[in-house]
Amino acid sequence: MSEIQELSKWMTRERKDSALESMMPRILASSTKTSRGRMPQIMAGLMPKCLETVLPKLSKEDRVEFALLMISILVEKGSVRMSEEEREEFVLQLVEQIKS
């Protein structure tokens, strides 16, 4: 059983979040040197596939809570180093995608 699965058995959500946050540097550091620089691209490719698999298994309340959290993170971190105009355009694109 993986370390993450083991954590899920007995930890509260807050403790899981804290443990996962502390494990991320170790996970990233364990990557080979060549893939370490590509880790953000690898994770960005895996994340949508993971969400497609996991989200339907969550309760409606958990899905809503998760989606709102992810959207706020996407806006905040996705707009890093953008001008105010670029950020506004980015948010408009997100809203349009959500509406369609």
PDB file of N, CA and C in Angstrom:
ATOM      1  N   MET A   1       0.849  -1.175   0.000  1.00  0.00           N
ATOM      2  CA  MET A   1       0.000   0.000   0.000  1.00  0.00           C
ATOM      3  C   MET A   1       0.893   1.236   0.000  1.00  0.00           C
ATOM      4  N   SER A   2       0.521   2.219  -0.810  1.00  0.00           N
ATOM      5  CA  SER A   2       1.352   3.416  -0.904  1.00  0.00           C
ATOM      6  C   SER A   2       1.250   4.255   0.358  1.00  0.00           C
ATOM      7  N   GLU A   3       2.208   5.146   0.502  1.00  0.00           N
ATOM      8  CA  GLU A   3       2.238   6.044   1.664  1.00  0.00           C
ATOM      9  C   GLU A   3       0.981   6.900   1.719  1.00  0.00           C
ATOM     10  N   ILE A   4       0.524   7.364   0.558  1.00  0.00           N
ATOM     11  CA  ILE A   4      -0.667   8.214   0.511  1.00  0.00           C
ATOM     12  C   ILE A   4      -1.907   7.419   0.903  1.00  0.00           C
ATOM     13  N   GLN A   5      -2.038   6.180   0.416  1.00  0.00           N
ATOM     14  CA  GLN A   5      -3.185   5.358   0.784  1.00  0.00           C
ATOM     15  C   GLN A   5      -3.190   5.071   2.278  1.00  0.00           C
ATOM     16  N   GLU A   6      -2.029   4.825   2.839  1.00  0.00           N
ATOM     17  CA  GLU A   6      -1.926   4.570   4.264  1.00  0.00           C
ATOM     18  C   GLU A   6      -2.363   5.788   5.069  1.00  0.00           C
ATOM     19  N   LEU A   7      -1.948   6.977   4.629  1.00  0.00           N
ATOM     20  CA  LEU A   7      -2.351   8.210   5.307  1.00  0.00           C
ATOM     21  C   LEU A   7      -3.867   8.379   5.285  1.00  0.00           C
ATOM     22  N   SER A   8      -4.488   8.046   4.154  1.00  0.00           N
ATOM     23  CA  SER A   8      -5.915   8.254   3.983  1.00  0.00           C
ATOM     24  C   SER A   8      -6.740   7.440   4.955  1.00  0.00           C
ATOM     25  N   LYS A   9      -6.203   6.332   5.436  1.00  0.00           N
ATOM     26  CA  LYS A   9      -6.960   5.458   6.328  1.00  0.00           C
ATOM     27  C   LYS A   9      -7.258   6.092   7.681  1.00  0.00           C
ATOM     28  N   TRP A  10      -6.342   6.860   8.202  1.00  0.00           N
ATOM     29  CA  TRP A  10      -6.491   7.281   9.586  1.00  0.00           C
ATOM     30  C   TRP A  10      -6.353   8.774   9.842  1.00  0.00           C
ATOM     31  N   MET A  11      -6.149   9.583   8.834  1.00  0.00           N
ATOM     32  CA  MET A  11      -5.892  10.995   9.076  1.00  0.00           C
ATOM     33  C   MET A  11      -7.103  11.863   8.763  1.00  0.00           C
ATOM     34  N   THR A  12      -7.220  12.943   9.498  1.00  0.00           N
ATOM     35  CA  THR A  12      -8.235  13.937   9.185  1.00  0.00           C
ATOM     36  C   THR A  12      -7.817  14.675   7.922  1.00  0.00           C
ATOM     37  N   ARG A  13      -8.741  15.413   7.332  1.00  0.00           N
ATOM     38  CA  ARG A  13      -8.447  16.153   6.101  1.00  0.00           C
ATOM     39  C   ARG A  13      -7.300  17.142   6.316  1.00  0.00           C
ATOM     40  N   GLU A  14      -7.301  17.852   7.447  1.00  0.00           N
ATOM     41  CA  GLU A  14      -6.260  18.840   7.707  1.00  0.00           C
ATOM     42  C   GLU A  14      -4.893  18.169   7.840  1.00  0.00           C
ATOM     43  N   ARG A  15      -4.864  17.043   8.530  1.00  0.00           N
ATOM     44  CA  ARG A  15      -3.599  16.328   8.698  1.00  0.00           C
ATOM     45  C   ARG A  15      -3.137  15.734   7.372  1.00  0.00           C
ATOM     46  N   LYS A  16      -4.090  15.270   6.533  1.00  0.00           N
ATOM     47  CA  LYS A  16      -3.729  14.754   5.209  1.00  0.00           C
ATOM     48  C   LYS A  16      -3.104  15.858   4.375  1.00  0.00           C
ATOM     49  N   ASP A  17      -3.766  17.037   4.389  1.00  0.00           N
ATOM     50  CA  ASP A  17      -3.250  18.167   3.610  1.00  0.00           C
ATOM     51  C   ASP A  17      -1.827  18.505   4.040  1.00  0.00           C
ATOM     52  N   SER A  18      -1.612  18.553   5.335  1.00  0.00           N
ATOM     53  CA  SER A  18      -0.293  18.885   5.861  1.00  0.00           C
ATOM     54  C   SER A  18       0.734  17.818   5.481  1.00  0.00           C
ATOM     55  N   ALA A  19       0.354  16.561   5.586  1.00  0.00           N
ATOM     56  CA  ALA A  19       1.279  15.470   5.257  1.00  0.00           C
ATOM     57  C   ALA A  19       1.609  15.472   3.767  1.00  0.00           C
ATOM     58  N   LEU A  20       0.604  15.661   2.923  1.00  0.00           N
ATOM     59  CA  LEU A  20       0.852  15.691   1.484  1.00  0.00           C
ATOM     60  C   LEU A  20       1.742  16.864   1.115  1.00  0.00           C
ATOM     61  N   GLU A  21       1.499  18.005   1.761  1.00  0.00           N
ATOM     62  CA  GLU A  21       2.323  19.186   1.503  1.00  0.00           C
ATOM     63  C   GLU A  21       3.777  18.920   1.877  1.00  0.00           C
ATOM     64  N   SER A  22       3.996  18.223   2.973  1.00  0.00           N
ATOM     65  CA  SER A  22       5.371  17.931   3.383  1.00  0.00           C
ATOM     66  C   SER A  22       6.004  16.854   2.510  1.00  0.00           C
ATOM     67  N   MET A  23       5.191  15.988   1.884  1.00  0.00           N
ATOM     68  CA  MET A  23       5.736  14.930   1.033  1.00  0.00           C
ATOM     69  C   MET A  23       6.111  15.437  -0.353  1.00  0.00           C
ATOM     70  N   MET A  24       5.462  16.502  -0.833  1.00  0.00           N
ATOM     71  CA  MET A  24       5.704  16.971  -2.194  1.00  0.00           C
ATOM     72  C   MET A  24       7.175  17.248  -2.489  1.00  0.00           C
ATOM     73  N   PRO A  25       7.916  17.948  -1.626  1.00  0.00           N
ATOM     74  CA  PRO A  25       9.336  18.156  -1.929  1.00  0.00           C
ATOM     75  C   PRO A  25      10.104  16.847  -2.082  1.00  0.00           C
ATOM     76  N   ARG A  26       9.761  15.845  -1.256  1.00  0.00           N
ATOM     77  CA  ARG A  26      10.437  14.539  -1.369  1.00  0.00           C
ATOM     78  C   ARG A  26      10.083  13.858  -2.677  1.00  0.00           C
ATOM     79  N   ILE A  27       8.822  13.947  -3.080  1.00  0.00           N
ATOM     80  CA  ILE A  27       8.400  13.333  -4.338  1.00  0.00           C
ATOM     81  C   ILE A  27       9.120  13.993  -5.503  1.00  0.00           C
ATOM     82  N   LEU A  28       9.144  15.322  -5.493  1.00  0.00           N
ATOM     83  CA  LEU A  28       9.806  16.041  -6.572  1.00  0.00           C
ATOM     84  C   LEU A  28      11.316  15.798  -6.565  1.00  0.00           C
ATOM     85  N   ALA A  29      11.918  15.711  -5.386  1.00  0.00           N
ATOM     86  CA  ALA A  29      13.362  15.488  -5.289  1.00  0.00           C
ATOM     87  C   ALA A  29      13.749  14.093  -5.732  1.00  0.00           C
ATOM     88  N   SER A  30      12.830  13.144  -5.613  1.00  0.00           N
ATOM     89  CA  SER A  30      13.164  11.775  -5.982  1.00  0.00           C
ATOM     90  C   SER A  30      13.138  11.558  -7.487  1.00  0.00           C
ATOM     91  N   SER A  31      12.642  12.519  -8.233  1.00  0.00           N
ATOM     92  CA  SER A  31      12.625  12.397  -9.683  1.00  0.00           C
ATOM     93  C   SER A  31      14.047  12.439 -10.220  1.00  0.00           C
ATOM     94  N   THR A  32      14.234  11.832 -11.370  1.00  0.00           N
ATOM     95  CA  THR A  32      15.560  11.910 -11.973  1.00  0.00           C
ATOM     96  C   THR A  32      15.837  13.344 -12.381  1.00  0.00           C
ATOM     97  N   LYS A  33      17.100  13.676 -12.520  1.00  0.00           N
ATOM     98  CA  LYS A  33      17.487  15.057 -12.824  1.00  0.00           C
ATOM     99  C   LYS A  33      16.849  15.546 -14.117  1.00  0.00           C
ATOM    100  N   THR A  34      16.783  14.700 -15.139  1.00  0.00           N
ATOM    101  CA  THR A  34      16.229  15.147 -16.422  1.00  0.00           C
ATOM    102  C   THR A  34      14.728  15.382 -16.330  1.00  0.00           C
ATOM    103  N   SER A  35      14.019  14.571 -15.560  1.00  0.00           N
ATOM    104  CA  SER A  35      12.574  14.762 -15.483  1.00  0.00           C
ATOM    105  C   SER A  35      12.185  15.838 -14.472  1.00  0.00           C
ATOM    106  N   ARG A  36      13.081  16.170 -13.539  1.00  0.00           N
ATOM    107  CA  ARG A  36      12.762  17.154 -12.515  1.00  0.00           C
ATOM    108  C   ARG A  36      12.378  18.494 -13.125  1.00  0.00           C
ATOM    109  N   GLY A  37      13.078  18.913 -14.172  1.00  0.00           N
ATOM    110  CA  GLY A  37      12.751  20.175 -14.823  1.00  0.00           C
ATOM    111  C   GLY A  37      11.437  20.126 -15.573  1.00  0.00           C
ATOM    112  N   ARG A  38      11.001  18.922 -15.918  1.00  0.00           N
ATOM    113  CA  ARG A  38       9.744  18.740 -16.644  1.00  0.00           C
ATOM    114  C   ARG A  38       8.579  18.421 -15.715  1.00  0.00           C
ATOM    115  N   MET A  39       8.829  18.316 -14.426  1.00  0.00           N
ATOM    116  CA  MET A  39       7.788  17.903 -13.485  1.00  0.00           C
ATOM    117  C   MET A  39       6.523  18.753 -13.585  1.00  0.00           C
ATOM    118  N   PRO A  40       6.610  20.075 -13.684  1.00  0.00           N
ATOM    119  CA  PRO A  40       5.364  20.848 -13.814  1.00  0.00           C
ATOM    120  C   PRO A  40       4.540  20.437 -15.045  1.00  0.00           C
ATOM    121  N   GLN A  41       5.204  20.187 -16.182  1.00  0.00           N
ATOM    122  CA  GLN A  41       4.481  19.769 -17.382  1.00  0.00           C
ATOM    123  C   GLN A  41       3.890  18.370 -17.202  1.00  0.00           C
ATOM    124  N   ILE A  42       4.633  17.493 -16.558  1.00  0.00           N
ATOM    125  CA  ILE A  42       4.144  16.140 -16.313  1.00  0.00           C
ATOM    126  C   ILE A  42       2.902  16.192 -15.416  1.00  0.00           C
ATOM    127  N   MET A  43       2.998  16.962 -14.340  1.00  0.00           N
ATOM    128  CA  MET A  43       1.864  17.076 -13.417  1.00  0.00           C
ATOM    129  C   MET A  43       0.658  17.716 -14.095  1.00  0.00           C
ATOM    130  N   ALA A  44       0.889  18.728 -14.912  1.00  0.00           N
ATOM    131  CA  ALA A  44      -0.216  19.385 -15.614  1.00  0.00           C
ATOM    132  C   ALA A  44      -0.902  18.419 -16.576  1.00  0.00           C
ATOM    133  N   GLY A  45      -0.153  17.488 -17.141  1.00  0.00           N
ATOM    134  CA  GLY A  45      -0.753  16.485 -18.014  1.00  0.00           C
ATOM    135  C   GLY A  45      -1.516  15.420 -17.249  1.00  0.00           C
ATOM    136  N   LEU A  46      -1.028  15.058 -16.078  1.00  0.00           N
ATOM    137  CA  LEU A  46      -1.663  14.021 -15.272  1.00  0.00           C
ATOM    138  C   LEU A  46      -2.893  14.518 -14.524  1.00  0.00           C
ATOM    139  N   MET A  47      -2.859  15.773 -14.077  1.00  0.00           N
ATOM    140  CA  MET A  47      -3.931  16.294 -13.227  1.00  0.00           C
ATOM    141  C   MET A  47      -5.321  16.158 -13.849  1.00  0.00           C
ATOM    142  N   PRO A  48      -5.533  16.570 -15.105  1.00  0.00           N
ATOM    143  CA  PRO A  48      -6.880  16.416 -15.670  1.00  0.00           C
ATOM    144  C   PRO A  48      -7.346  14.964 -15.702  1.00  0.00           C
ATOM    145  N   LYS A  49      -6.454  14.043 -16.008  1.00  0.00           N
ATOM    146  CA  LYS A  49      -6.821  12.625 -16.041  1.00  0.00           C
ATOM    147  C   LYS A  49      -7.188  12.117 -14.647  1.00  0.00           C
ATOM    148  N   CYS A  50      -6.439  12.550 -13.652  1.00  0.00           N
ATOM    149  CA  CYS A  50      -6.736  12.168 -12.267  1.00  0.00           C
ATOM    150  C   CYS A  50      -8.105  12.700 -11.843  1.00  0.00           C
ATOM    151  N   LEU A  51      -8.369  13.949 -12.189  1.00  0.00           N
ATOM    152  CA  LEU A  51      -9.647  14.553 -11.809  1.00  0.00           C
ATOM    153  C   LEU A  51     -10.818  13.844 -12.473  1.00  0.00           C
ATOM    154  N   GLU A  52     -10.665  13.455 -13.733  1.00  0.00           N
ATOM    155  CA  GLU A  52     -11.730  12.729 -14.421  1.00  0.00           C
ATOM    156  C   GLU A  52     -12.056  11.418 -13.725  1.00  0.00           C
ATOM    157  N   THR A  53     -11.053  10.803 -13.136  1.00  0.00           N
ATOM    158  CA  THR A  53     -11.241   9.524 -12.460  1.00  0.00           C
ATOM    159  C   THR A  53     -11.783   9.699 -11.046  1.00  0.00           C
ATOM    160  N   VAL A  54     -11.249  10.666 -10.325  1.00  0.00           N
ATOM    161  CA  VAL A  54     -11.543  10.800  -8.897  1.00  0.00           C
ATOM    162  C   VAL A  54     -12.828  11.577  -8.610  1.00  0.00           C
ATOM    163  N   LEU A  55     -13.065  12.658  -9.315  1.00  0.00           N
ATOM    164  CA  LEU A  55     -14.208  13.519  -8.974  1.00  0.00           C
ATOM    165  C   LEU A  55     -15.550  12.796  -8.938  1.00  0.00           C
ATOM    166  N   PRO A  56     -15.870  11.935  -9.886  1.00  0.00           N
ATOM    167  CA  PRO A  56     -17.165  11.263  -9.815  1.00  0.00           C
ATOM    168  C   PRO A  56     -17.342  10.406  -8.562  1.00  0.00           C
ATOM    169  N   LYS A  57     -16.257  10.045  -7.920  1.00  0.00           N
ATOM    170  CA  LYS A  57     -16.326   9.190  -6.731  1.00  0.00           C
ATOM    171  C   LYS A  57     -16.539   9.983  -5.445  1.00  0.00           C
ATOM    172  N   LEU A  58     -16.425  11.309  -5.516  1.00  0.00           N
ATOM    173  CA  LEU A  58     -16.637  12.160  -4.346  1.00  0.00           C
ATOM    174  C   LEU A  58     -18.112  12.477  -4.192  1.00  0.00           C
ATOM    175  N   SER A  59     -18.507  12.813  -2.982  1.00  0.00           N
ATOM    176  CA  SER A  59     -19.884  13.245  -2.758  1.00  0.00           C
ATOM    177  C   SER A  59     -20.111  14.587  -3.447  1.00  0.00           C
ATOM    178  N   LYS A  60     -21.366  14.937  -3.657  1.00  0.00           N
ATOM    179  CA  LYS A  60     -21.699  16.212  -4.301  1.00  0.00           C
ATOM    180  C   LYS A  60     -21.078  17.375  -3.531  1.00  0.00           C
ATOM    181  N   GLU A  61     -21.188  17.352  -2.219  1.00  0.00           N
ATOM    182  CA  GLU A  61     -20.650  18.432  -1.391  1.00  0.00           C
ATOM    183  C   GLU A  61     -19.135  18.528  -1.530  1.00  0.00           C
ATOM    184  N   ASP A  62     -18.465  17.378  -1.516  1.00  0.00           N
ATOM    185  CA  ASP A  62     -17.006  17.377  -1.652  1.00  0.00           C
ATOM    186  C   ASP A  62     -16.577  17.838  -3.038  1.00  0.00           C
ATOM    187  N   ARG A  63     -17.343  17.460  -4.075  1.00  0.00           N
ATOM    188  CA  ARG A  63     -17.016  17.907  -5.433  1.00  0.00           C
ATOM    189  C   ARG A  63     -17.133  19.419  -5.542  1.00  0.00           C
ATOM    190  N   VAL A  64     -18.190  19.991  -4.975  1.00  0.00           N
ATOM    191  CA  VAL A  64     -18.382  21.443  -5.030  1.00  0.00           C
ATOM    192  C   VAL A  64     -17.256  22.142  -4.282  1.00  0.00           C
ATOM    193  N   GLU A  65     -16.962  21.686  -3.077  1.00  0.00           N
ATOM    194  CA  GLU A  65     -15.887  22.284  -2.272  1.00  0.00           C
ATOM    195  C   GLU A  65     -14.555  22.203  -3.010  1.00  0.00           C
ATOM    196  N   PHE A  66     -14.283  21.040  -3.590  1.00  0.00           N
ATOM    197  CA  PHE A  66     -13.032  20.835  -4.315  1.00  0.00           C
ATOM    198  C   PHE A  66     -12.953  21.731  -5.543  1.00  0.00           C
ATOM    199  N   ALA A  67     -14.039  21.801  -6.317  1.00  0.00           N
ATOM    200  CA  ALA A  67     -14.042  22.611  -7.541  1.00  0.00           C
ATOM    201  C   ALA A  67     -13.807  24.083  -7.219  1.00  0.00           C
ATOM    202  N   LEU A  68     -14.446  24.590  -6.184  1.00  0.00           N
ATOM    203  CA  LEU A  68     -14.254  25.994  -5.808  1.00  0.00           C
ATOM    204  C   LEU A  68     -12.812  26.256  -5.372  1.00  0.00           C
ATOM    205  N   LEU A  69     -12.250  25.333  -4.620  1.00  0.00           N
ATOM    206  CA  LEU A  69     -10.855  25.472  -4.202  1.00  0.00           C
ATOM    207  C   LEU A  69      -9.931  25.456  -5.413  1.00  0.00           C
ATOM    208  N   MET A  70     -10.139  24.514  -6.329  1.00  0.00           N
ATOM    209  CA  MET A  70      -9.281  24.409  -7.511  1.00  0.00           C
ATOM    210  C   MET A  70      -9.386  25.656  -8.383  1.00  0.00           C
ATOM    211  N   ILE A  71     -10.586  26.178  -8.551  1.00  0.00           N
ATOM    212  CA  ILE A  71     -10.753  27.388  -9.367  1.00  0.00           C
ATOM    213  C   ILE A  71      -9.998  28.554  -8.748  1.00  0.00           C
ATOM    214  N   SER A  72     -10.093  28.691  -7.433  1.00  0.00           N
ATOM    215  CA  SER A  72      -9.379  29.804  -6.796  1.00  0.00           C
ATOM    216  C   SER A  72      -7.876  29.635  -6.949  1.00  0.00           C
ATOM    217  N   ILE A  73      -7.379  28.408  -6.830  1.00  0.00           N
ATOM    218  CA  ILE A  73      -5.945  28.157  -7.014  1.00  0.00           C
ATOM    219  C   ILE A  73      -5.551  28.415  -8.464  1.00  0.00           C
ATOM    220  N   LEU A  74      -6.363  27.950  -9.405  1.00  0.00           N
ATOM    221  CA  LEU A  74      -6.064  28.164 -10.822  1.00  0.00           C
ATOM    222  C   LEU A  74      -5.980  29.647 -11.155  1.00  0.00           C
ATOM    223  N   VAL A  75      -6.898  30.440 -10.625  1.00  0.00           N
ATOM    224  CA  VAL A  75      -6.871  31.879 -10.896  1.00  0.00           C
ATOM    225  C   VAL A  75      -5.662  32.520 -10.240  1.00  0.00           C
ATOM    226  N   GLU A  76      -5.439  32.204  -8.964  1.00  0.00           N
ATOM    227  CA  GLU A  76      -4.330  32.831  -8.232  1.00  0.00           C
ATOM    228  C   GLU A  76      -2.975  32.436  -8.808  1.00  0.00           C
ATOM    229  N   LYS A  77      -2.733  31.151  -8.936  1.00  0.00           N
ATOM    230  CA  LYS A  77      -1.414  30.682  -9.384  1.00  0.00           C
ATOM    231  C   LYS A  77      -1.273  30.730 -10.905  1.00  0.00           C
ATOM    232  N   GLY A  78      -2.390  30.615 -11.620  1.00  0.00           N
ATOM    233  CA  GLY A  78      -2.340  30.671 -13.072  1.00  0.00           C
ATOM    234  C   GLY A  78      -2.079  32.060 -13.614  1.00  0.00           C
ATOM    235  N   SER A  79      -2.327  33.061 -12.794  1.00  0.00           N
ATOM    236  CA  SER A  79      -2.134  34.433 -13.252  1.00  0.00           C
ATOM    237  C   SER A  79      -0.855  35.074 -12.716  1.00  0.00           C
ATOM    238  N   VAL A  80       0.015  34.264 -12.125  1.00  0.00           N
ATOM    239  CA  VAL A  80       1.295  34.776 -11.629  1.00  0.00           C
ATOM    240  C   VAL A  80       2.082  35.378 -12.798  1.00  0.00           C
ATOM    241  N   ARG A  81       2.687  36.510 -12.556  1.00  0.00           N
ATOM    242  CA  ARG A  81       3.498  37.247 -13.543  1.00  0.00           C
ATOM    243  C   ARG A  81       2.677  37.723 -14.748  1.00  0.00           C
ATOM    244  N   MET A  82       1.379  37.891 -14.566  1.00  0.00           N
ATOM    245  CA  MET A  82       0.537  38.470 -15.613  1.00  0.00           C
ATOM    246  C   MET A  82       0.235  39.908 -15.239  1.00  0.00           C
ATOM    247  N   SER A  83       0.088  40.735 -16.247  1.00  0.00           N
ATOM    248  CA  SER A  83      -0.373  42.098 -15.988  1.00  0.00           C
ATOM    249  C   SER A  83      -1.847  42.022 -15.590  1.00  0.00           C
ATOM    250  N   GLU A  84      -2.371  43.132 -15.098  1.00  0.00           N
ATOM    251  CA  GLU A  84      -3.787  43.165 -14.701  1.00  0.00           C
ATOM    252  C   GLU A  84      -4.691  42.869 -15.896  1.00  0.00           C
ATOM    253  N   GLU A  85      -4.336  43.394 -17.065  1.00  0.00           N
ATOM    254  CA  GLU A  85      -5.139  43.149 -18.274  1.00  0.00           C
ATOM    255  C   GLU A  85      -5.089  41.670 -18.665  1.00  0.00           C
ATOM    256  N   GLU A  86      -3.893  41.073 -18.600  1.00  0.00           N
ATOM    257  CA  GLU A  86      -3.759  39.653 -18.926  1.00  0.00           C
ATOM    258  C   GLU A  86      -4.540  38.793 -17.942  1.00  0.00           C
ATOM    259  N   ARG A  87      -4.501  39.170 -16.670  1.00  0.00           N
ATOM    260  CA  ARG A  87      -5.240  38.417 -15.651  1.00  0.00           C
ATOM    261  C   ARG A  87      -6.734  38.507 -15.903  1.00  0.00           C
ATOM    262  N   GLU A  88      -7.223  39.699 -16.217  1.00  0.00           N
ATOM    263  CA  GLU A  88      -8.649  39.862 -16.509  1.00  0.00           C
ATOM    264  C   GLU A  88      -9.065  39.015 -17.713  1.00  0.00           C
ATOM    265  N   GLU A  89      -8.238  38.991 -18.759  1.00  0.00           N
ATOM    266  CA  GLU A  89      -8.526  38.172 -19.939  1.00  0.00           C
ATOM    267  C   GLU A  89      -8.525  36.692 -19.577  1.00  0.00           C
ATOM    268  N   PHE A  90      -7.579  36.281 -18.749  1.00  0.00           N
ATOM    269  CA  PHE A  90      -7.493  34.903 -18.285  1.00  0.00           C
ATOM    270  C   PHE A  90      -8.772  34.507 -17.544  1.00  0.00           C
ATOM    271  N   VAL A  91      -9.216  35.355 -16.626  1.00  0.00           N
ATOM    272  CA  VAL A  91     -10.437  35.071 -15.865  1.00  0.00           C
ATOM    273  C   VAL A  91     -11.647  35.020 -16.792  1.00  0.00           C
ATOM    274  N   LEU A  92     -11.720  35.931 -17.765  1.00  0.00           N
ATOM    275  CA  LEU A  92     -12.825  35.906 -18.741  1.00  0.00           C
ATOM    276  C   LEU A  92     -12.830  34.595 -19.526  1.00  0.00           C
ATOM    277  N   GLN A  93     -11.654  34.116 -19.909  1.00  0.00           N
ATOM    278  CA  GLN A  93     -11.570  32.838 -20.619  1.00  0.00           C
ATOM    279  C   GLN A  93     -12.059  31.689 -19.742  1.00  0.00           C
ATOM    280  N   LEU A  94     -11.700  31.722 -18.466  1.00  0.00           N
ATOM    281  CA  LEU A  94     -12.181  30.686 -17.542  1.00  0.00           C
ATOM    282  C   LEU A  94     -13.705  30.719 -17.429  1.00  0.00           C
ATOM    283  N   VAL A  95     -14.250  31.919 -17.284  1.00  0.00           N
ATOM    284  CA  VAL A  95     -15.706  32.068 -17.154  1.00  0.00           C
ATOM    285  C   VAL A  95     -16.399  31.551 -18.413  1.00  0.00           C
ATOM    286  N   GLU A  96     -15.881  31.903 -19.586  1.00  0.00           N
ATOM    287  CA  GLU A  96     -16.458  31.432 -20.836  1.00  0.00           C
ATOM    288  C   GLU A  96     -16.411  29.908 -20.926  1.00  0.00           C
ATOM    289  N   GLN A  97     -15.294  29.319 -20.501  1.00  0.00           N
ATOM    290  CA  GLN A  97     -15.164  27.862 -20.518  1.00  0.00           C
ATOM    291  C   GLN A  97     -16.179  27.226 -19.585  1.00  0.00           C
ATOM    292  N   ILE A  98     -16.382  27.817 -18.437  1.00  0.00           N
ATOM    293  CA  ILE A  98     -17.337  27.285 -17.461  1.00  0.00           C
ATOM    294  C   ILE A  98     -18.764  27.376 -18.009  1.00  0.00           C
ATOM    295  N   LYS A  99     -19.069  28.470 -18.686  1.00  0.00           N
ATOM    296  CA  LYS A  99     -20.418  28.660 -19.219  1.00  0.00           C
ATOM    297  C   LYS A  99     -20.730  27.729 -20.383  1.00  0.00           C
ATOM    298  N   SER A 100     -19.709  27.299 -21.115  1.00  0.00           N
ATOM    299  CA  SER A 100     -19.985  26.478 -22.303  1.00  0.00           C
ATOM    300  C   SER A 100     -20.168  25.010 -21.987  1.00  0.00           C
TER     301      SER A 100
END
